[in-house]
N, C-alpha and C. Protein backbone atom coordinates (compact mmCIF):
# COMPACT_ATOMS: atom_id res chain seq x y z
N MET A 1 0.82 -1.19 0.00
CA MET A 1 0.00 0.00 0.00
C MET A 1 0.87 1.25 0.00
N HIS A 2 2.00 1.17 0.70
CA HIS A 2 2.92 2.31 0.77
C HIS A 2 3.42 2.68 -0.62
N ALA A 3 3.76 1.67 -1.44
CA ALA A 3 4.26 1.94 -2.79
C ALA A 3 3.18 2.55 -3.66
N PHE A 4 1.95 2.15 -3.47
CA PHE A 4 0.86 2.70 -4.27
C PHE A 4 0.65 4.18 -3.94
N ILE A 5 0.60 4.51 -2.67
CA ILE A 5 0.33 5.89 -2.26
C ILE A 5 1.48 6.81 -2.66
N TYR A 6 2.70 6.36 -2.43
CA TYR A 6 3.84 7.23 -2.69
C TYR A 6 4.44 7.06 -4.07
N GLY A 7 3.94 6.12 -4.86
CA GLY A 7 4.49 5.91 -6.19
C GLY A 7 3.50 6.13 -7.32
N VAL A 8 2.34 5.50 -7.22
CA VAL A 8 1.37 5.56 -8.31
C VAL A 8 0.51 6.82 -8.23
N VAL A 9 0.09 7.19 -7.06
CA VAL A 9 -0.78 8.37 -6.91
C VAL A 9 -0.13 9.65 -7.44
N PRO A 10 1.15 9.91 -7.14
CA PRO A 10 1.76 11.11 -7.71
C PRO A 10 1.83 11.09 -9.24
N LEU A 11 2.07 9.92 -9.80
CA LEU A 11 2.09 9.84 -11.27
C LEU A 11 0.70 10.09 -11.85
N LEU A 12 -0.33 9.63 -11.18
CA LEU A 12 -1.69 9.91 -11.63
C LEU A 12 -2.02 11.39 -11.51
N LEU A 13 -1.47 12.05 -10.49
CA LEU A 13 -1.70 13.49 -10.33
C LEU A 13 -1.13 14.28 -11.50
N LEU A 14 -0.04 13.80 -12.09
CA LEU A 14 0.56 14.50 -13.23
C LEU A 14 -0.37 14.48 -14.44
N LEU A 15 -1.19 13.47 -14.56
CA LEU A 15 -2.08 13.33 -15.72
C LEU A 15 -3.50 13.81 -15.44
N THR A 16 -3.78 14.21 -14.22
CA THR A 16 -5.14 14.60 -13.86
C THR A 16 -5.61 15.83 -14.61
N ALA A 17 -4.80 16.86 -14.70
CA ALA A 17 -5.22 18.11 -15.36
C ALA A 17 -5.54 17.91 -16.85
N PRO A 18 -4.66 17.25 -17.63
CA PRO A 18 -5.03 17.03 -19.04
C PRO A 18 -6.26 16.15 -19.21
N LEU A 19 -6.38 15.12 -18.39
CA LEU A 19 -7.55 14.25 -18.49
C LEU A 19 -8.82 15.00 -18.11
N MET A 20 -8.73 15.85 -17.07
CA MET A 20 -9.88 16.64 -16.67
C MET A 20 -10.27 17.62 -17.79
N GLN A 21 -9.27 18.18 -18.46
CA GLN A 21 -9.56 19.10 -19.55
C GLN A 21 -10.22 18.37 -20.72
N ILE A 22 -9.79 17.18 -21.03
CA ILE A 22 -10.40 16.40 -22.11
C ILE A 22 -11.85 16.07 -21.77
N VAL A 23 -12.09 15.62 -20.55
CA VAL A 23 -13.45 15.23 -20.15
C VAL A 23 -14.38 16.44 -20.14
N LEU A 24 -13.95 17.54 -19.53
CA LEU A 24 -14.80 18.73 -19.47
C LEU A 24 -15.04 19.34 -20.84
N SER A 25 -14.01 19.34 -21.69
CA SER A 25 -14.19 19.88 -23.04
C SER A 25 -15.15 19.02 -23.85
N SER A 26 -15.04 17.71 -23.68
CA SER A 26 -15.96 16.81 -24.38
C SER A 26 -17.40 17.03 -23.92
N LYS A 27 -17.58 17.20 -22.63
CA LYS A 27 -18.93 17.47 -22.12
C LYS A 27 -19.44 18.82 -22.61
N LYS A 28 -18.56 19.80 -22.74
CA LYS A 28 -18.94 21.10 -23.27
C LYS A 28 -19.37 20.99 -24.73
N ILE A 29 -18.64 20.22 -25.52
CA ILE A 29 -18.98 20.03 -26.93
C ILE A 29 -20.35 19.39 -27.07
N HIS A 30 -20.67 18.44 -26.22
CA HIS A 30 -21.96 17.74 -26.29
C HIS A 30 -23.06 18.45 -25.52
N GLY A 31 -22.78 19.62 -24.95
CA GLY A 31 -23.79 20.42 -24.29
C GLY A 31 -24.19 19.96 -22.90
N LYS A 32 -23.37 19.15 -22.26
CA LYS A 32 -23.72 18.64 -20.94
C LYS A 32 -23.15 19.49 -19.81
N VAL A 33 -22.29 20.46 -20.15
CA VAL A 33 -21.68 21.35 -19.16
C VAL A 33 -21.87 22.78 -19.64
N LYS A 34 -22.24 23.66 -18.75
CA LYS A 34 -22.47 25.06 -19.10
C LYS A 34 -21.24 25.94 -18.90
N LEU A 35 -20.12 25.37 -18.46
CA LEU A 35 -18.90 26.14 -18.25
C LEU A 35 -18.36 26.65 -19.58
N SER A 36 -17.70 27.79 -19.55
CA SER A 36 -17.10 28.31 -20.78
C SER A 36 -15.77 27.61 -21.04
N PHE A 37 -15.35 27.64 -22.31
CA PHE A 37 -14.07 27.03 -22.65
C PHE A 37 -12.92 27.73 -21.95
N ILE A 38 -13.02 29.03 -21.80
CA ILE A 38 -11.94 29.77 -21.14
C ILE A 38 -11.81 29.33 -19.68
N PHE A 39 -12.93 29.17 -18.99
CA PHE A 39 -12.89 28.71 -17.60
C PHE A 39 -12.31 27.30 -17.52
N ILE A 40 -12.74 26.41 -18.40
CA ILE A 40 -12.23 25.03 -18.41
C ILE A 40 -10.73 25.03 -18.62
N ASN A 41 -10.26 25.78 -19.61
CA ASN A 41 -8.84 25.76 -19.95
C ASN A 41 -7.98 26.42 -18.89
N ILE A 42 -8.43 27.53 -18.34
CA ILE A 42 -7.64 28.21 -17.31
C ILE A 42 -7.60 27.38 -16.03
N SER A 43 -8.73 26.80 -15.64
CA SER A 43 -8.73 26.00 -14.42
C SER A 43 -7.87 24.74 -14.57
N CYS A 44 -7.90 24.13 -15.75
CA CYS A 44 -7.06 22.95 -15.98
C CYS A 44 -5.59 23.34 -16.04
N PHE A 45 -5.29 24.50 -16.60
CA PHE A 45 -3.90 24.96 -16.63
C PHE A 45 -3.39 25.23 -15.22
N LEU A 46 -4.19 25.90 -14.41
CA LEU A 46 -3.77 26.18 -13.03
C LEU A 46 -3.63 24.89 -12.21
N SER A 47 -4.55 23.97 -12.40
CA SER A 47 -4.41 22.69 -11.68
C SER A 47 -3.22 21.91 -12.20
N GLY A 48 -2.87 22.08 -13.47
CA GLY A 48 -1.68 21.45 -14.02
C GLY A 48 -0.40 22.05 -13.50
N ILE A 49 -0.46 23.25 -12.95
CA ILE A 49 0.70 23.86 -12.31
C ILE A 49 0.78 23.44 -10.84
N ILE A 50 -0.35 23.33 -10.18
CA ILE A 50 -0.38 23.02 -8.75
C ILE A 50 -0.18 21.52 -8.48
N LEU A 51 -0.82 20.66 -9.26
CA LEU A 51 -0.77 19.22 -8.98
C LEU A 51 0.63 18.60 -9.09
N PRO A 52 1.50 19.03 -10.01
CA PRO A 52 2.86 18.48 -9.97
C PRO A 52 3.63 18.83 -8.70
N LEU A 53 3.35 19.99 -8.13
CA LEU A 53 3.99 20.33 -6.86
C LEU A 53 3.49 19.42 -5.75
N VAL A 54 2.18 19.14 -5.75
CA VAL A 54 1.62 18.21 -4.77
C VAL A 54 2.21 16.82 -4.96
N ALA A 55 2.35 16.39 -6.21
CA ALA A 55 2.94 15.08 -6.50
C ALA A 55 4.38 15.00 -6.01
N THR A 56 5.12 16.09 -6.17
CA THR A 56 6.50 16.12 -5.70
C THR A 56 6.56 15.97 -4.19
N TYR A 57 5.69 16.66 -3.47
CA TYR A 57 5.67 16.54 -2.01
C TYR A 57 5.27 15.14 -1.56
N ILE A 58 4.37 14.51 -2.30
CA ILE A 58 4.00 13.13 -1.95
C ILE A 58 5.18 12.19 -2.19
N PHE A 59 5.89 12.38 -3.30
CA PHE A 59 7.08 11.57 -3.55
C PHE A 59 8.12 11.76 -2.45
N ILE A 60 8.33 13.01 -2.03
CA ILE A 60 9.30 13.29 -0.98
C ILE A 60 8.89 12.60 0.32
N GLY A 61 7.59 12.58 0.61
CA GLY A 61 7.12 11.91 1.82
C GLY A 61 7.35 10.42 1.81
N GLY A 62 7.45 9.82 0.64
CA GLY A 62 7.64 8.38 0.55
C GLY A 62 9.08 7.93 0.51
N ILE A 63 10.01 8.88 0.49
CA ILE A 63 11.43 8.51 0.42
C ILE A 63 11.93 8.10 1.80
N SER A 64 12.77 7.10 1.79
CA SER A 64 13.34 6.59 3.04
C SER A 64 14.18 7.68 3.72
N PRO A 65 14.15 7.72 5.05
CA PRO A 65 14.96 8.71 5.77
C PRO A 65 16.47 8.50 5.60
N ASP A 66 16.87 7.32 5.14
CA ASP A 66 18.30 7.04 4.95
C ASP A 66 18.87 7.80 3.75
N ILE A 67 18.01 8.19 2.83
CA ILE A 67 18.47 8.90 1.63
C ILE A 67 18.63 10.38 1.99
N LYS A 68 19.81 10.88 1.74
CA LYS A 68 20.12 12.27 2.10
C LYS A 68 19.96 13.24 0.93
N CYS A 69 20.12 12.77 -0.29
CA CYS A 69 20.07 13.66 -1.46
C CYS A 69 18.84 13.31 -2.29
N ILE A 70 17.96 14.29 -2.47
CA ILE A 70 16.75 14.06 -3.27
C ILE A 70 16.69 15.05 -4.42
N THR A 71 17.86 15.36 -4.98
CA THR A 71 17.94 16.37 -6.03
C THR A 71 17.12 15.98 -7.26
N GLY A 72 17.08 14.72 -7.61
CA GLY A 72 16.38 14.29 -8.82
C GLY A 72 14.87 14.34 -8.72
N ILE A 73 14.34 14.56 -7.54
CA ILE A 73 12.89 14.56 -7.35
C ILE A 73 12.22 15.75 -8.02
N GLU A 74 12.98 16.82 -8.27
CA GLU A 74 12.39 17.99 -8.95
C GLU A 74 11.96 17.66 -10.38
N VAL A 75 12.52 16.58 -10.91
CA VAL A 75 12.15 16.18 -12.27
C VAL A 75 10.65 15.88 -12.34
N ILE A 76 10.07 15.40 -11.26
CA ILE A 76 8.63 15.12 -11.24
C ILE A 76 7.84 16.40 -11.48
N ALA A 77 8.21 17.46 -10.79
CA ALA A 77 7.51 18.75 -10.97
C ALA A 77 7.75 19.27 -12.39
N LEU A 78 8.98 19.19 -12.87
CA LEU A 78 9.27 19.68 -14.22
C LEU A 78 8.53 18.87 -15.28
N LEU A 79 8.43 17.56 -15.07
CA LEU A 79 7.67 16.72 -16.00
C LEU A 79 6.20 17.12 -16.01
N GLY A 80 5.65 17.38 -14.84
CA GLY A 80 4.25 17.81 -14.76
C GLY A 80 4.03 19.16 -15.43
N PHE A 81 4.97 20.10 -15.23
CA PHE A 81 4.86 21.41 -15.89
C PHE A 81 4.94 21.24 -17.40
N PHE A 82 5.85 20.38 -17.87
CA PHE A 82 6.00 20.14 -19.30
C PHE A 82 4.73 19.54 -19.89
N ILE A 83 4.18 18.56 -19.21
CA ILE A 83 2.93 17.94 -19.69
C ILE A 83 1.84 18.99 -19.79
N THR A 84 1.72 19.85 -18.81
CA THR A 84 0.69 20.89 -18.80
C THR A 84 0.91 21.90 -19.91
N ILE A 85 2.13 22.37 -20.07
CA ILE A 85 2.42 23.41 -21.06
C ILE A 85 2.22 22.89 -22.47
N VAL A 86 2.50 21.61 -22.70
CA VAL A 86 2.34 21.05 -24.04
C VAL A 86 0.88 20.67 -24.32
N THR A 87 0.23 20.01 -23.38
CA THR A 87 -1.09 19.46 -23.68
C THR A 87 -2.23 20.47 -23.59
N THR A 88 -2.14 21.44 -22.69
CA THR A 88 -3.24 22.38 -22.51
C THR A 88 -3.58 23.15 -23.79
N PRO A 89 -2.63 23.76 -24.48
CA PRO A 89 -3.00 24.47 -25.72
C PRO A 89 -3.49 23.53 -26.82
N ILE A 90 -2.91 22.34 -26.89
CA ILE A 90 -3.34 21.40 -27.93
C ILE A 90 -4.78 20.95 -27.69
N ILE A 91 -5.08 20.55 -26.46
CA ILE A 91 -6.44 20.11 -26.13
C ILE A 91 -7.42 21.26 -26.31
N ALA A 92 -7.03 22.46 -25.89
CA ALA A 92 -7.92 23.62 -26.02
C ALA A 92 -8.22 23.92 -27.49
N THR A 93 -7.22 23.88 -28.33
CA THR A 93 -7.41 24.18 -29.75
C THR A 93 -8.29 23.15 -30.43
N VAL A 94 -7.99 21.89 -30.21
CA VAL A 94 -8.78 20.82 -30.83
C VAL A 94 -10.22 20.84 -30.33
N SER A 95 -10.40 21.04 -29.05
CA SER A 95 -11.75 21.08 -28.49
C SER A 95 -12.55 22.27 -29.02
N TYR A 96 -11.91 23.41 -29.11
CA TYR A 96 -12.61 24.60 -29.60
C TYR A 96 -12.98 24.44 -31.08
N ILE A 97 -12.10 23.87 -31.88
CA ILE A 97 -12.42 23.62 -33.29
C ILE A 97 -13.59 22.66 -33.41
N ASN A 98 -13.60 21.60 -32.60
CA ASN A 98 -14.72 20.66 -32.61
C ASN A 98 -16.02 21.33 -32.18
N TYR A 99 -15.94 22.17 -31.16
CA TYR A 99 -17.12 22.88 -30.67
C TYR A 99 -17.68 23.82 -31.74
N ARG A 100 -16.80 24.59 -32.37
CA ARG A 100 -17.24 25.54 -33.40
C ARG A 100 -17.79 24.81 -34.62
N SER A 101 -17.19 23.70 -34.99
CA SER A 101 -17.71 22.96 -36.15
C SER A 101 -19.08 22.38 -35.84
N LYS A 102 -19.30 21.97 -34.59
CA LYS A 102 -20.63 21.46 -34.22
C LYS A 102 -21.64 22.60 -34.20
N GLN A 103 -21.24 23.79 -33.74
CA GLN A 103 -22.13 24.94 -33.71
C GLN A 103 -22.49 25.42 -35.11
N ASN A 104 -21.60 25.23 -36.07
CA ASN A 104 -21.83 25.69 -37.44
C ASN A 104 -22.47 24.60 -38.30
N GLY A 105 -23.26 23.76 -37.73
CA GLY A 105 -23.96 22.73 -38.49
C GLY A 105 -23.07 21.60 -38.93
N ARG A 106 -22.03 21.36 -38.15
CA ARG A 106 -21.09 20.28 -38.43
C ARG A 106 -20.51 20.39 -39.83
N LYS A 107 -20.14 21.60 -40.20
CA LYS A 107 -19.47 21.82 -41.48
C LYS A 107 -18.02 22.14 -41.23
N LEU A 108 -17.17 21.65 -42.09
CA LEU A 108 -15.74 21.88 -41.99
C LEU A 108 -15.24 22.35 -43.34
N MET A 109 -14.45 23.41 -43.35
CA MET A 109 -13.96 23.94 -44.61
C MET A 109 -12.64 23.24 -44.97
N LEU A 110 -12.62 22.62 -46.13
CA LEU A 110 -11.42 22.01 -46.67
C LEU A 110 -11.20 22.52 -48.09
N ASN A 111 -10.03 23.08 -48.33
CA ASN A 111 -9.66 23.59 -49.65
C ASN A 111 -10.68 24.58 -50.20
N GLY A 112 -11.21 25.44 -49.36
CA GLY A 112 -12.11 26.48 -49.80
C GLY A 112 -13.57 26.08 -49.94
N SER A 113 -13.91 24.82 -49.69
CA SER A 113 -15.31 24.40 -49.78
C SER A 113 -15.71 23.69 -48.50
N TYR A 114 -16.98 23.76 -48.17
CA TYR A 114 -17.48 23.15 -46.94
C TYR A 114 -17.79 21.69 -47.17
N VAL A 115 -17.45 20.91 -46.19
CA VAL A 115 -17.71 19.47 -46.23
C VAL A 115 -18.56 19.15 -45.01
N CYS A 116 -19.69 18.48 -45.20
CA CYS A 116 -20.55 18.10 -44.08
C CYS A 116 -19.95 16.90 -43.39
N LEU A 117 -19.95 16.94 -42.07
CA LEU A 117 -19.40 15.83 -41.30
C LEU A 117 -20.49 14.90 -40.84
């Protein structure tokens, strides 16, 4: 149980913000959530900044007291920041394009002409 709490949970925290953004954006596209895209994206971005720090502290709590140097543990926070900085704009752009195409009668412009989806 100790390995699960101090090993798996922090790794799941790194992926929580992008997954939450995908789920909320999908619900927004299908009309099941009234939140705006800006609120969804900003809240997921902020949680993507905070959750890697929480994951780092959980990892630090699980390290044996015999270990004196934990310099490499910052990589967890940096990995979480990288995941957030890369995935948030990509998910936001794709979700917004899908939302707008659904709002415009599911039409997509390809090579200057509209194609019905």
